[in-house]
Amino acid sequence: MTVDLPGQGLLPMEGKVFRHDMDVPLRAVVDYAIRRKDVDPARLAAYGYSGGGGFVPQAAMNDKRIRAIAMNSGVMDAYLLFSTMPATRATQEEMDSWTSFHTNIVKAICWRWGVSMDKPSDLVRANKDFTFDPEKITVPALLIVGEGEIKSQEVQRQQAVIMRGLSNPMKKMVITPAEEGAANHCIMENRSLVGQVLFDWLDEVFR
C-alpha cells in the first residue's frame, strides 16, 4: 500500500505540508491497514525514502504495530542534513546561475515544507524538530543508501549513529553501487535493485 502523507503528492495544495510529528498521520495509515482482511498485522512493515527515511522510524518509535522498517536513507536529524545542503547555503548569485530544472526542484521542496519558494535557506529552520531516536526503535530495520549519497559526511555520520543505536539484531545497511546505476539520493535511477534488496530482506525478517 502506498500513501501520500502531508507534504507529498498534491497535498500541499490543500495546505497539508510536511510536519514534525509525521507519526500521527502514519498511525492513521496503520489503523486503516490492520482493519483490512488482506493484511496480516504480525507482518506489517513500513518503508520510507527521502523524508520518509525519518517519517517511518519516527512512526515505529511510537507505534509498536509496525513490525519492521526500511529507510532509504535514514534521516535521524533533518535539521543537520538541510544545514549542509548546498541549496540552503546558496547566495542569490549562485541561485541565479542554477538551471531551470535545478531551480524548480528546489522550489518544489520548499513548497512541500511550506516555506517561501524563493528562500530555500528557510528549509533549515523548517526542519528544526524533525528527528527520531534510534535507541527507541526495537523492530528489525534496514538502511539502503546510494554510494554517491553516502559520500556526504553528514549522511554517513547519521547512518552510523542509527546503526549503533538500533537494538534489534536484525538490522542491516546496504550501500548500493554506482556501477549498477544506484548511487544517488533515493536511488531513483535503479528502482529494481532497491526492490530486490528491500523484499529479499523482508522475506528474511518475516520467514
N, C-alpha and C. Protein backbone atom coordinates (compact mmCIF):
# COMPACT_ATOMS: atom_id res chain seq x y z
N MET A 1 0.85 -1.18 0.00
CA MET A 1 0.00 0.00 0.00
C MET A 1 0.89 1.24 0.00
N THR A 2 0.63 2.15 -0.90
CA THR A 2 1.39 3.40 -0.93
C THR A 2 0.46 4.54 -0.55
N VAL A 3 1.01 5.52 0.16
CA VAL A 3 0.18 6.64 0.62
C VAL A 3 0.92 7.95 0.43
N ASP A 4 0.16 9.02 0.25
CA ASP A 4 0.69 10.37 0.30
C ASP A 4 0.42 10.92 1.69
N LEU A 5 1.49 11.21 2.40
CA LEU A 5 1.38 11.86 3.71
C LEU A 5 1.38 13.38 3.49
N PRO A 6 1.09 14.16 4.52
CA PRO A 6 1.20 15.62 4.36
C PRO A 6 2.55 16.01 3.75
N GLY A 7 2.51 16.90 2.76
CA GLY A 7 3.73 17.32 2.07
C GLY A 7 4.01 16.53 0.82
N GLN A 8 3.30 15.42 0.62
CA GLN A 8 3.56 14.56 -0.53
C GLN A 8 2.42 14.66 -1.53
N GLY A 9 2.68 14.20 -2.77
CA GLY A 9 1.67 14.29 -3.81
C GLY A 9 1.23 15.72 -4.02
N LEU A 10 -0.07 15.93 -4.10
CA LEU A 10 -0.62 17.27 -4.29
C LEU A 10 -1.18 17.86 -2.99
N LEU A 11 -0.92 17.21 -1.87
CA LEU A 11 -1.49 17.67 -0.60
C LEU A 11 -1.05 19.07 -0.19
N PRO A 12 0.15 19.55 -0.58
CA PRO A 12 0.47 20.94 -0.22
C PRO A 12 -0.51 21.95 -0.80
N MET A 13 -1.21 21.58 -1.88
CA MET A 13 -2.22 22.48 -2.45
C MET A 13 -3.38 22.68 -1.48
N GLU A 14 -3.54 21.72 -0.55
CA GLU A 14 -4.60 21.82 0.45
C GLU A 14 -4.05 22.39 1.77
N GLY A 15 -2.79 22.84 1.73
CA GLY A 15 -2.18 23.38 2.93
C GLY A 15 -1.60 22.32 3.84
N LYS A 16 -1.59 21.07 3.37
CA LYS A 16 -1.05 19.97 4.17
C LYS A 16 0.41 19.73 3.78
N VAL A 17 1.31 20.37 4.52
CA VAL A 17 2.74 20.28 4.22
C VAL A 17 3.42 19.34 5.22
N PHE A 18 4.71 19.06 4.98
CA PHE A 18 5.47 18.22 5.90
C PHE A 18 5.36 18.75 7.33
N ARG A 19 5.31 17.85 8.29
CA ARG A 19 5.17 18.22 9.69
C ARG A 19 6.15 17.38 10.52
N HIS A 20 6.44 17.85 11.71
CA HIS A 20 7.45 17.19 12.53
C HIS A 20 6.93 15.94 13.21
N ASP A 21 5.61 15.85 13.39
CA ASP A 21 5.02 14.68 14.04
C ASP A 21 4.36 13.78 12.99
N MET A 22 5.14 13.33 12.03
CA MET A 22 4.59 12.53 10.95
C MET A 22 4.11 11.16 11.44
N ASP A 23 4.47 10.81 12.68
CA ASP A 23 3.94 9.57 13.25
C ASP A 23 2.43 9.63 13.43
N VAL A 24 1.86 10.84 13.52
CA VAL A 24 0.41 10.97 13.71
C VAL A 24 -0.35 10.53 12.46
N PRO A 25 -0.07 11.09 11.26
CA PRO A 25 -0.77 10.58 10.07
C PRO A 25 -0.41 9.13 9.76
N LEU A 26 0.82 8.71 10.08
CA LEU A 26 1.18 7.31 9.83
C LEU A 26 0.41 6.37 10.74
N ARG A 27 0.08 6.82 11.94
CA ARG A 27 -0.75 5.99 12.82
C ARG A 27 -2.12 5.76 12.19
N ALA A 28 -2.65 6.79 11.53
CA ALA A 28 -3.94 6.63 10.85
C ALA A 28 -3.83 5.64 9.69
N VAL A 29 -2.68 5.64 9.01
CA VAL A 29 -2.45 4.67 7.93
C VAL A 29 -2.46 3.25 8.49
N VAL A 30 -1.77 3.05 9.61
CA VAL A 30 -1.73 1.73 10.24
C VAL A 30 -3.11 1.32 10.71
N ASP A 31 -3.86 2.26 11.28
CA ASP A 31 -5.24 1.97 11.70
C ASP A 31 -6.03 1.38 10.54
N TYR A 32 -5.90 2.01 9.38
CA TYR A 32 -6.64 1.54 8.19
C TYR A 32 -6.12 0.19 7.73
N ALA A 33 -4.79 0.05 7.69
CA ALA A 33 -4.20 -1.18 7.15
C ALA A 33 -4.61 -2.41 7.94
N ILE A 34 -4.56 -2.33 9.27
CA ILE A 34 -4.83 -3.54 10.05
C ILE A 34 -6.31 -3.88 10.10
N ARG A 35 -7.17 -2.97 9.63
CA ARG A 35 -8.60 -3.30 9.53
C ARG A 35 -8.91 -4.11 8.28
N ARG A 36 -7.96 -4.15 7.36
CA ARG A 36 -8.19 -4.87 6.11
C ARG A 36 -8.00 -6.37 6.32
N LYS A 37 -8.88 -7.17 5.69
CA LYS A 37 -8.80 -8.62 5.84
C LYS A 37 -7.57 -9.21 5.14
N ASP A 38 -7.02 -8.47 4.15
CA ASP A 38 -5.87 -9.00 3.41
C ASP A 38 -4.54 -8.57 4.02
N VAL A 39 -4.55 -8.01 5.23
CA VAL A 39 -3.32 -7.58 5.91
C VAL A 39 -3.11 -8.45 7.14
N ASP A 40 -1.90 -9.00 7.26
CA ASP A 40 -1.51 -9.76 8.44
C ASP A 40 -0.84 -8.79 9.42
N PRO A 41 -1.48 -8.46 10.53
CA PRO A 41 -0.90 -7.47 11.46
C PRO A 41 0.46 -7.88 12.01
N ALA A 42 0.75 -9.18 12.01
CA ALA A 42 2.03 -9.64 12.54
C ALA A 42 3.17 -9.44 11.55
N ARG A 43 2.83 -9.06 10.32
CA ARG A 43 3.85 -8.89 9.28
C ARG A 43 3.71 -7.54 8.60
N LEU A 44 3.44 -6.52 9.40
CA LEU A 44 3.24 -5.18 8.87
C LEU A 44 4.56 -4.41 8.90
N ALA A 45 5.06 -4.06 7.73
CA ALA A 45 6.32 -3.31 7.62
C ALA A 45 6.05 -1.97 6.98
N ALA A 46 6.94 -1.02 7.23
CA ALA A 46 6.83 0.32 6.64
C ALA A 46 8.16 0.68 5.98
N TYR A 47 8.07 1.24 4.77
CA TYR A 47 9.27 1.64 4.02
C TYR A 47 9.13 3.10 3.64
N GLY A 48 10.17 3.88 3.89
CA GLY A 48 10.14 5.29 3.53
C GLY A 48 11.43 5.71 2.87
N TYR A 49 11.31 6.54 1.83
CA TYR A 49 12.52 7.08 1.19
C TYR A 49 12.49 8.60 1.20
N SER A 50 13.68 9.18 1.06
CA SER A 50 13.87 10.61 1.22
C SER A 50 13.39 11.02 2.61
N GLY A 51 12.46 11.98 2.72
CA GLY A 51 11.97 12.35 4.03
C GLY A 51 11.35 11.18 4.78
N GLY A 52 10.86 10.20 4.02
CA GLY A 52 10.29 9.01 4.63
C GLY A 52 11.30 8.23 5.45
N GLY A 53 12.60 8.48 5.17
CA GLY A 53 13.64 7.85 5.97
C GLY A 53 13.69 8.39 7.39
N GLY A 54 12.92 9.44 7.65
CA GLY A 54 12.75 9.95 9.00
C GLY A 54 11.34 9.69 9.51
N PHE A 55 10.35 9.77 8.60
CA PHE A 55 8.96 9.59 9.00
C PHE A 55 8.71 8.17 9.51
N VAL A 56 9.21 7.18 8.77
CA VAL A 56 8.94 5.78 9.10
C VAL A 56 9.56 5.37 10.45
N PRO A 57 10.85 5.67 10.71
CA PRO A 57 11.37 5.31 12.03
C PRO A 57 10.70 6.08 13.16
N GLN A 58 10.30 7.32 12.90
CA GLN A 58 9.58 8.08 13.92
C GLN A 58 8.27 7.37 14.25
N ALA A 59 7.59 6.86 13.23
CA ALA A 59 6.34 6.13 13.44
C ALA A 59 6.58 4.84 14.22
N ALA A 60 7.64 4.10 13.86
CA ALA A 60 7.93 2.84 14.54
C ALA A 60 8.28 3.08 16.01
N MET A 61 8.86 4.22 16.28
CA MET A 61 9.23 4.58 17.65
C MET A 61 7.99 4.75 18.52
N ASN A 62 6.87 5.14 17.89
CA ASN A 62 5.65 5.47 18.63
C ASN A 62 4.50 4.50 18.41
N ASP A 63 4.67 3.56 17.48
CA ASP A 63 3.57 2.64 17.16
C ASP A 63 4.14 1.23 17.03
N LYS A 64 3.92 0.42 18.05
CA LYS A 64 4.51 -0.92 18.09
C LYS A 64 3.81 -1.91 17.16
N ARG A 65 2.76 -1.47 16.47
CA ARG A 65 2.11 -2.35 15.49
C ARG A 65 2.95 -2.48 14.23
N ILE A 66 3.89 -1.57 14.02
CA ILE A 66 4.81 -1.66 12.88
C ILE A 66 5.90 -2.64 13.27
N ARG A 67 6.03 -3.75 12.53
CA ARG A 67 6.89 -4.86 12.94
C ARG A 67 8.28 -4.84 12.28
N ALA A 68 8.47 -4.01 11.28
CA ALA A 68 9.79 -3.88 10.64
C ALA A 68 9.77 -2.59 9.82
N ILE A 69 10.96 -1.99 9.66
CA ILE A 69 11.03 -0.75 8.89
C ILE A 69 12.22 -0.78 7.95
N ALA A 70 12.10 -0.03 6.86
CA ALA A 70 13.21 0.16 5.93
C ALA A 70 13.28 1.64 5.58
N MET A 71 14.50 2.15 5.49
CA MET A 71 14.73 3.57 5.23
C MET A 71 15.70 3.74 4.06
N ASN A 72 15.44 4.72 3.23
CA ASN A 72 16.30 4.96 2.07
C ASN A 72 16.48 6.47 1.87
N SER A 73 17.44 7.08 2.53
CA SER A 73 18.27 6.54 3.60
C SER A 73 17.71 7.01 4.94
N GLY A 74 18.40 6.73 6.05
CA GLY A 74 17.91 7.16 7.34
C GLY A 74 18.11 8.65 7.57
N VAL A 75 17.07 9.34 8.04
CA VAL A 75 17.16 10.77 8.34
C VAL A 75 16.91 10.94 9.84
N MET A 76 17.98 10.83 10.62
CA MET A 76 17.86 10.93 12.07
C MET A 76 17.65 12.37 12.53
N ASP A 77 18.25 13.30 11.80
CA ASP A 77 18.13 14.72 12.15
C ASP A 77 18.13 15.53 10.86
N ALA A 78 16.93 15.90 10.41
CA ALA A 78 16.80 16.61 9.14
C ALA A 78 17.39 18.01 9.21
N TYR A 79 17.35 18.61 10.39
CA TYR A 79 17.90 19.96 10.55
C TYR A 79 19.38 19.99 10.17
N LEU A 80 20.14 19.03 10.67
CA LEU A 80 21.57 18.99 10.36
C LEU A 80 21.82 18.66 8.89
N LEU A 81 20.99 17.79 8.32
CA LEU A 81 21.14 17.47 6.90
C LEU A 81 20.88 18.69 6.03
N PHE A 82 19.77 19.38 6.28
CA PHE A 82 19.45 20.56 5.48
C PHE A 82 20.48 21.67 5.69
N SER A 83 21.07 21.71 6.86
CA SER A 83 22.09 22.74 7.13
C SER A 83 23.33 22.56 6.25
N THR A 84 23.57 21.33 5.79
CA THR A 84 24.75 21.06 4.97
C THR A 84 24.46 21.07 3.47
N MET A 85 23.20 21.22 3.09
CA MET A 85 22.85 21.15 1.67
C MET A 85 23.25 22.43 0.94
N PRO A 86 23.88 22.30 -0.23
CA PRO A 86 24.30 23.49 -0.99
C PRO A 86 23.13 24.44 -1.30
N ALA A 87 21.94 23.89 -1.55
CA ALA A 87 20.80 24.73 -1.94
C ALA A 87 20.40 25.67 -0.81
N THR A 88 20.55 25.23 0.45
CA THR A 88 20.13 26.08 1.58
C THR A 88 21.20 27.09 1.97
N ARG A 89 22.39 26.93 1.41
CA ARG A 89 23.50 27.83 1.74
C ARG A 89 23.88 28.73 0.56
N ALA A 90 23.14 28.60 -0.53
CA ALA A 90 23.50 29.31 -1.76
C ALA A 90 23.23 30.81 -1.64
N THR A 91 24.11 31.61 -2.23
CA THR A 91 23.90 33.05 -2.33
C THR A 91 22.92 33.32 -3.45
N GLN A 92 22.40 34.55 -3.52
CA GLN A 92 21.50 34.90 -4.60
C GLN A 92 22.19 34.76 -5.95
N GLU A 93 23.47 35.12 -6.01
CA GLU A 93 24.23 34.98 -7.26
C GLU A 93 24.30 33.52 -7.69
N GLU A 94 24.51 32.63 -6.74
CA GLU A 94 24.56 31.20 -7.07
C GLU A 94 23.19 30.70 -7.52
N MET A 95 22.14 31.14 -6.85
CA MET A 95 20.79 30.71 -7.24
C MET A 95 20.44 31.21 -8.63
N ASP A 96 20.89 32.41 -8.98
CA ASP A 96 20.63 32.95 -10.31
C ASP A 96 21.32 32.14 -11.40
N SER A 97 22.37 31.40 -11.03
CA SER A 97 23.12 30.62 -12.01
C SER A 97 22.55 29.21 -12.20
N TRP A 98 21.59 28.83 -11.36
CA TRP A 98 21.03 27.48 -11.45
C TRP A 98 20.27 27.31 -12.76
N THR A 99 20.23 26.07 -13.26
CA THR A 99 19.38 25.76 -14.40
C THR A 99 17.92 25.83 -13.97
N SER A 100 17.01 25.92 -14.92
CA SER A 100 15.59 25.97 -14.57
C SER A 100 15.16 24.68 -13.87
N PHE A 101 15.76 23.55 -14.27
CA PHE A 101 15.43 22.27 -13.63
C PHE A 101 15.82 22.30 -12.15
N HIS A 102 17.05 22.73 -11.89
CA HIS A 102 17.55 22.80 -10.52
C HIS A 102 16.68 23.75 -9.69
N THR A 103 16.39 24.90 -10.25
CA THR A 103 15.57 25.91 -9.56
C THR A 103 14.21 25.34 -9.18
N ASN A 104 13.58 24.67 -10.14
CA ASN A 104 12.23 24.16 -9.89
C ASN A 104 12.22 23.01 -8.89
N ILE A 105 13.27 22.19 -8.88
CA ILE A 105 13.36 21.12 -7.88
C ILE A 105 13.44 21.73 -6.48
N VAL A 106 14.27 22.75 -6.33
CA VAL A 106 14.42 23.40 -5.02
C VAL A 106 13.10 24.06 -4.63
N LYS A 107 12.44 24.71 -5.57
CA LYS A 107 11.14 25.34 -5.27
C LYS A 107 10.10 24.31 -4.84
N ALA A 108 10.13 23.15 -5.48
CA ALA A 108 9.16 22.09 -5.12
C ALA A 108 9.38 21.60 -3.70
N ILE A 109 10.65 21.49 -3.31
CA ILE A 109 10.95 21.07 -1.94
C ILE A 109 10.46 22.12 -0.95
N CYS A 110 10.70 23.38 -1.27
CA CYS A 110 10.22 24.48 -0.40
C CYS A 110 8.69 24.44 -0.27
N TRP A 111 8.03 24.20 -1.38
CA TRP A 111 6.55 24.13 -1.42
C TRP A 111 6.05 23.03 -0.49
N ARG A 112 6.74 21.89 -0.51
CA ARG A 112 6.32 20.76 0.32
C ARG A 112 6.52 21.02 1.80
N TRP A 113 7.50 21.88 2.12
CA TRP A 113 7.73 22.21 3.53
C TRP A 113 6.97 23.46 3.97
N GLY A 114 6.30 24.12 3.03
CA GLY A 114 5.51 25.29 3.39
C GLY A 114 6.34 26.54 3.64
N VAL A 115 7.52 26.62 3.00
CA VAL A 115 8.33 27.83 3.13
C VAL A 115 8.38 28.55 1.78
N SER A 116 8.82 29.80 1.78
CA SER A 116 8.88 30.60 0.57
C SER A 116 9.72 29.89 -0.49
N MET A 117 9.17 29.76 -1.68
CA MET A 117 9.87 29.05 -2.75
C MET A 117 11.10 29.81 -3.24
N ASP A 118 11.21 31.08 -2.89
CA ASP A 118 12.37 31.88 -3.29
C ASP A 118 13.40 32.00 -2.17
N LYS A 119 13.18 31.27 -1.08
CA LYS A 119 14.11 31.38 0.04
C LYS A 119 14.41 29.98 0.62
N PRO A 120 15.18 29.18 -0.12
CA PRO A 120 15.47 27.81 0.34
C PRO A 120 16.21 27.74 1.66
N SER A 121 16.86 28.82 2.06
CA SER A 121 17.55 28.81 3.35
C SER A 121 16.58 28.57 4.50
N ASP A 122 15.28 28.90 4.29
CA ASP A 122 14.27 28.69 5.33
C ASP A 122 13.99 27.21 5.58
N LEU A 123 14.44 26.35 4.67
CA LEU A 123 14.25 24.91 4.87
C LEU A 123 14.99 24.41 6.12
N VAL A 124 16.09 25.05 6.44
CA VAL A 124 16.85 24.65 7.63
C VAL A 124 15.99 24.84 8.87
N ARG A 125 15.44 26.03 9.02
CA ARG A 125 14.58 26.33 10.18
C ARG A 125 13.36 25.43 10.20
N ALA A 126 12.78 25.14 9.03
CA ALA A 126 11.57 24.32 8.97
C ALA A 126 11.80 22.90 9.46
N ASN A 127 13.05 22.45 9.44
CA ASN A 127 13.36 21.08 9.86
C ASN A 127 13.94 21.00 11.26
N LYS A 128 13.80 22.04 12.03
CA LYS A 128 14.43 22.13 13.35
C LYS A 128 14.09 20.96 14.26
N ASP A 129 12.85 20.50 14.28
CA ASP A 129 12.42 19.46 15.21
C ASP A 129 12.14 18.12 14.54
N PHE A 130 12.63 17.93 13.33
CA PHE A 130 12.38 16.70 12.59
C PHE A 130 13.47 15.69 12.94
N THR A 131 13.22 14.88 13.98
CA THR A 131 14.22 13.93 14.47
C THR A 131 13.56 12.62 14.90
N PHE A 132 14.39 11.61 15.11
CA PHE A 132 13.94 10.40 15.79
C PHE A 132 15.12 9.84 16.57
N ASP A 133 14.83 8.98 17.54
CA ASP A 133 15.85 8.38 18.39
C ASP A 133 16.00 6.91 18.04
N PRO A 134 17.10 6.50 17.41
CA PRO A 134 17.25 5.09 17.01
C PRO A 134 17.25 4.13 18.18
N GLU A 135 17.61 4.60 19.36
CA GLU A 135 17.63 3.72 20.53
C GLU A 135 16.23 3.34 21.00
N LYS A 136 15.21 4.05 20.51
CA LYS A 136 13.83 3.74 20.88
C LYS A 136 13.13 2.87 19.83
N ILE A 137 13.89 2.40 18.85
CA ILE A 137 13.33 1.53 17.82
C ILE A 137 13.78 0.11 18.10
N THR A 138 12.83 -0.77 18.30
CA THR A 138 13.15 -2.14 18.71
C THR A 138 12.90 -3.19 17.62
N VAL A 139 12.33 -2.78 16.50
CA VAL A 139 11.98 -3.73 15.44
C VAL A 139 13.14 -3.88 14.45
N PRO A 140 13.14 -4.95 13.63
CA PRO A 140 14.14 -5.08 12.57
C PRO A 140 14.15 -3.84 11.68
N ALA A 141 15.35 -3.44 11.24
CA ALA A 141 15.46 -2.21 10.45
C ALA A 141 16.51 -2.36 9.35
N LEU A 142 16.19 -1.82 8.19
CA LEU A 142 17.07 -1.85 7.03
C LEU A 142 17.37 -0.43 6.58
N LEU A 143 18.65 -0.14 6.35
CA LEU A 143 19.08 1.13 5.77
C LEU A 143 19.57 0.85 4.35
N ILE A 144 19.05 1.58 3.38
CA ILE A 144 19.52 1.49 1.99
C ILE A 144 20.07 2.86 1.62
N VAL A 145 21.33 2.90 1.19
CA VAL A 145 21.97 4.19 0.89
C VAL A 145 22.74 4.05 -0.42
N GLY A 146 22.55 5.01 -1.31
CA GLY A 146 23.31 5.03 -2.55
C GLY A 146 24.77 5.37 -2.31
N GLU A 147 25.65 4.78 -3.10
CA GLU A 147 27.09 5.01 -2.93
C GLU A 147 27.45 6.48 -3.05
N GLY A 148 26.76 7.20 -3.91
CA GLY A 148 27.05 8.62 -4.06
C GLY A 148 26.53 9.44 -2.90
N GLU A 149 25.35 9.08 -2.39
CA GLU A 149 24.76 9.84 -1.29
C GLU A 149 25.58 9.71 -0.01
N ILE A 150 26.12 8.54 0.23
CA ILE A 150 26.84 8.34 1.50
C ILE A 150 28.21 9.01 1.48
N LYS A 151 28.59 9.61 0.37
CA LYS A 151 29.82 10.40 0.36
C LYS A 151 29.66 11.68 1.18
N SER A 152 28.42 12.10 1.39
CA SER A 152 28.16 13.23 2.27
C SER A 152 28.56 12.84 3.69
N GLN A 153 29.39 13.63 4.33
CA GLN A 153 29.83 13.31 5.68
C GLN A 153 28.68 13.26 6.67
N GLU A 154 27.68 14.14 6.49
CA GLU A 154 26.56 14.15 7.42
C GLU A 154 25.66 12.93 7.21
N VAL A 155 25.42 12.57 5.95
CA VAL A 155 24.65 11.34 5.68
C VAL A 155 25.36 10.14 6.28
N GLN A 156 26.66 10.06 6.05
CA GLN A 156 27.46 8.95 6.57
C GLN A 156 27.40 8.91 8.09
N ARG A 157 27.54 10.07 8.73
CA ARG A 157 27.52 10.12 10.20
C ARG A 157 26.18 9.66 10.74
N GLN A 158 25.08 10.11 10.12
CA GLN A 158 23.77 9.75 10.64
C GLN A 158 23.48 8.26 10.47
N GLN A 159 23.92 7.66 9.35
CA GLN A 159 23.70 6.22 9.18
C GLN A 159 24.46 5.45 10.26
N ALA A 160 25.67 5.90 10.57
CA ALA A 160 26.48 5.21 11.59
C ALA A 160 25.83 5.30 12.97
N VAL A 161 25.31 6.48 13.31
CA VAL A 161 24.66 6.65 14.61
C VAL A 161 23.39 5.80 14.68
N ILE A 162 22.64 5.76 13.59
CA ILE A 162 21.42 4.95 13.56
C ILE A 162 21.77 3.48 13.77
N MET A 163 22.74 2.98 13.03
CA MET A 163 23.12 1.57 13.13
C MET A 163 23.58 1.22 14.55
N ARG A 164 24.33 2.11 15.17
CA ARG A 164 24.78 1.84 16.54
C ARG A 164 23.61 1.84 17.52
N GLY A 165 22.64 2.71 17.29
CA GLY A 165 21.54 2.86 18.23
C GLY A 165 20.49 1.77 18.15
N LEU A 166 20.29 1.18 16.97
CA LEU A 166 19.25 0.16 16.80
C LEU A 166 19.57 -1.06 17.65
N SER A 167 18.58 -1.55 18.39
CA SER A 167 18.83 -2.65 19.33
C SER A 167 18.51 -4.03 18.76
N ASN A 168 17.65 -4.09 17.76
CA ASN A 168 17.27 -5.39 17.21
C ASN A 168 18.43 -5.98 16.41
N PRO A 169 18.78 -7.26 16.64
CA PRO A 169 19.90 -7.85 15.90
C PRO A 169 19.65 -7.96 14.40
N MET A 170 18.39 -7.90 14.00
CA MET A 170 18.08 -7.95 12.57
C MET A 170 18.12 -6.53 12.01
N LYS A 171 19.30 -5.94 12.04
CA LYS A 171 19.50 -4.62 11.45
C LYS A 171 20.56 -4.75 10.38
N LYS A 172 20.41 -3.96 9.32
CA LYS A 172 21.32 -4.13 8.18
C LYS A 172 21.42 -2.82 7.40
N MET A 173 22.60 -2.53 6.89
CA MET A 173 22.78 -1.39 5.99
C MET A 173 23.34 -1.90 4.67
N VAL A 174 22.72 -1.49 3.58
CA VAL A 174 23.17 -1.85 2.24
C VAL A 174 23.51 -0.58 1.48
N ILE A 175 24.73 -0.50 0.97
CA ILE A 175 25.15 0.62 0.13
C ILE A 175 25.10 0.15 -1.31
N THR A 176 24.21 0.73 -2.09
CA THR A 176 24.06 0.29 -3.47
C THR A 176 25.12 0.94 -4.36
N PRO A 177 25.69 0.19 -5.30
CA PRO A 177 26.87 0.65 -6.03
C PRO A 177 26.57 1.54 -7.23
N ALA A 178 27.47 2.50 -7.43
CA ALA A 178 27.36 3.41 -8.58
C ALA A 178 27.48 2.64 -9.89
N GLU A 179 28.28 1.58 -9.90
CA GLU A 179 28.50 0.84 -11.14
C GLU A 179 27.23 0.12 -11.61
N GLU A 180 26.24 0.01 -10.73
CA GLU A 180 24.96 -0.57 -11.11
C GLU A 180 23.89 0.52 -11.27
N GLY A 181 24.35 1.76 -11.39
CA GLY A 181 23.41 2.87 -11.57
C GLY A 181 22.55 3.09 -10.35
N ALA A 182 23.16 2.97 -9.16
CA ALA A 182 22.38 3.07 -7.93
C ALA A 182 23.12 3.91 -6.91
N ALA A 183 23.46 5.14 -7.29
CA ALA A 183 24.32 5.97 -6.44
C ALA A 183 23.60 7.13 -5.76
N ASN A 184 22.54 7.64 -6.37
CA ASN A 184 22.00 8.92 -5.96
C ASN A 184 20.95 8.83 -4.85
N HIS A 185 20.54 9.97 -4.36
CA HIS A 185 19.51 10.08 -3.32
C HIS A 185 18.25 9.34 -3.74
N CYS A 186 17.77 8.44 -2.90
CA CYS A 186 16.58 7.62 -3.15
C CYS A 186 16.80 6.53 -4.20
N ILE A 187 17.94 6.54 -4.86
CA ILE A 187 18.30 5.53 -5.86
C ILE A 187 17.21 5.40 -6.92
N MET A 188 16.70 6.53 -7.36
CA MET A 188 15.63 6.53 -8.35
C MET A 188 16.07 5.97 -9.70
N GLU A 189 17.39 5.97 -9.95
CA GLU A 189 17.86 5.52 -11.26
C GLU A 189 17.90 4.00 -11.37
N ASN A 190 17.70 3.27 -10.27
CA ASN A 190 17.66 1.80 -10.34
C ASN A 190 16.70 1.28 -9.28
N ARG A 191 15.41 1.48 -9.53
CA ARG A 191 14.39 1.07 -8.57
C ARG A 191 14.31 -0.45 -8.44
N SER A 192 14.64 -1.17 -9.51
CA SER A 192 14.56 -2.63 -9.45
C SER A 192 15.56 -3.19 -8.44
N LEU A 193 16.74 -2.57 -8.36
CA LEU A 193 17.73 -3.02 -7.39
C LEU A 193 17.23 -2.75 -5.97
N VAL A 194 16.62 -1.59 -5.75
CA VAL A 194 16.06 -1.27 -4.44
C VAL A 194 15.01 -2.31 -4.05
N GLY A 195 14.14 -2.64 -5.00
CA GLY A 195 13.11 -3.63 -4.73
C GLY A 195 13.69 -4.99 -4.35
N GLN A 196 14.75 -5.36 -5.04
CA GLN A 196 15.39 -6.65 -4.75
C GLN A 196 15.96 -6.66 -3.33
N VAL A 197 16.68 -5.60 -2.99
CA VAL A 197 17.28 -5.50 -1.64
C VAL A 197 16.19 -5.49 -0.57
N LEU A 198 15.16 -4.66 -0.79
CA LEU A 198 14.10 -4.49 0.20
C LEU A 198 13.31 -5.77 0.43
N PHE A 199 12.83 -6.39 -0.66
CA PHE A 199 11.94 -7.53 -0.49
C PHE A 199 12.69 -8.80 -0.11
N ASP A 200 13.95 -8.92 -0.52
CA ASP A 200 14.76 -10.05 -0.03
C ASP A 200 14.94 -9.95 1.48
N TRP A 201 15.16 -8.73 1.97
CA TRP A 201 15.33 -8.53 3.40
C TRP A 201 14.04 -8.80 4.16
N LEU A 202 12.91 -8.33 3.63
CA LEU A 202 11.62 -8.58 4.27
C LEU A 202 11.30 -10.07 4.31
N ASP A 203 11.66 -10.79 3.25
CA ASP A 203 11.46 -12.25 3.25
C ASP A 203 12.24 -12.89 4.39
N GLU A 204 13.44 -12.38 4.62
CA GLU A 204 14.28 -12.92 5.69
C GLU A 204 13.70 -12.60 7.08
N VAL A 205 13.19 -11.39 7.23
CA VAL A 205 12.64 -10.95 8.52
C VAL A 205 11.36 -11.71 8.85
N PHE A 206 10.50 -11.89 7.87
CA PHE A 206 9.18 -12.46 8.11
C PHE A 206 9.06 -13.92 7.71
N ARG A 207 10.16 -14.60 7.54
CA ARG A 207 10.10 -16.01 7.09
C ARG A 207 9.40 -16.90 8.13
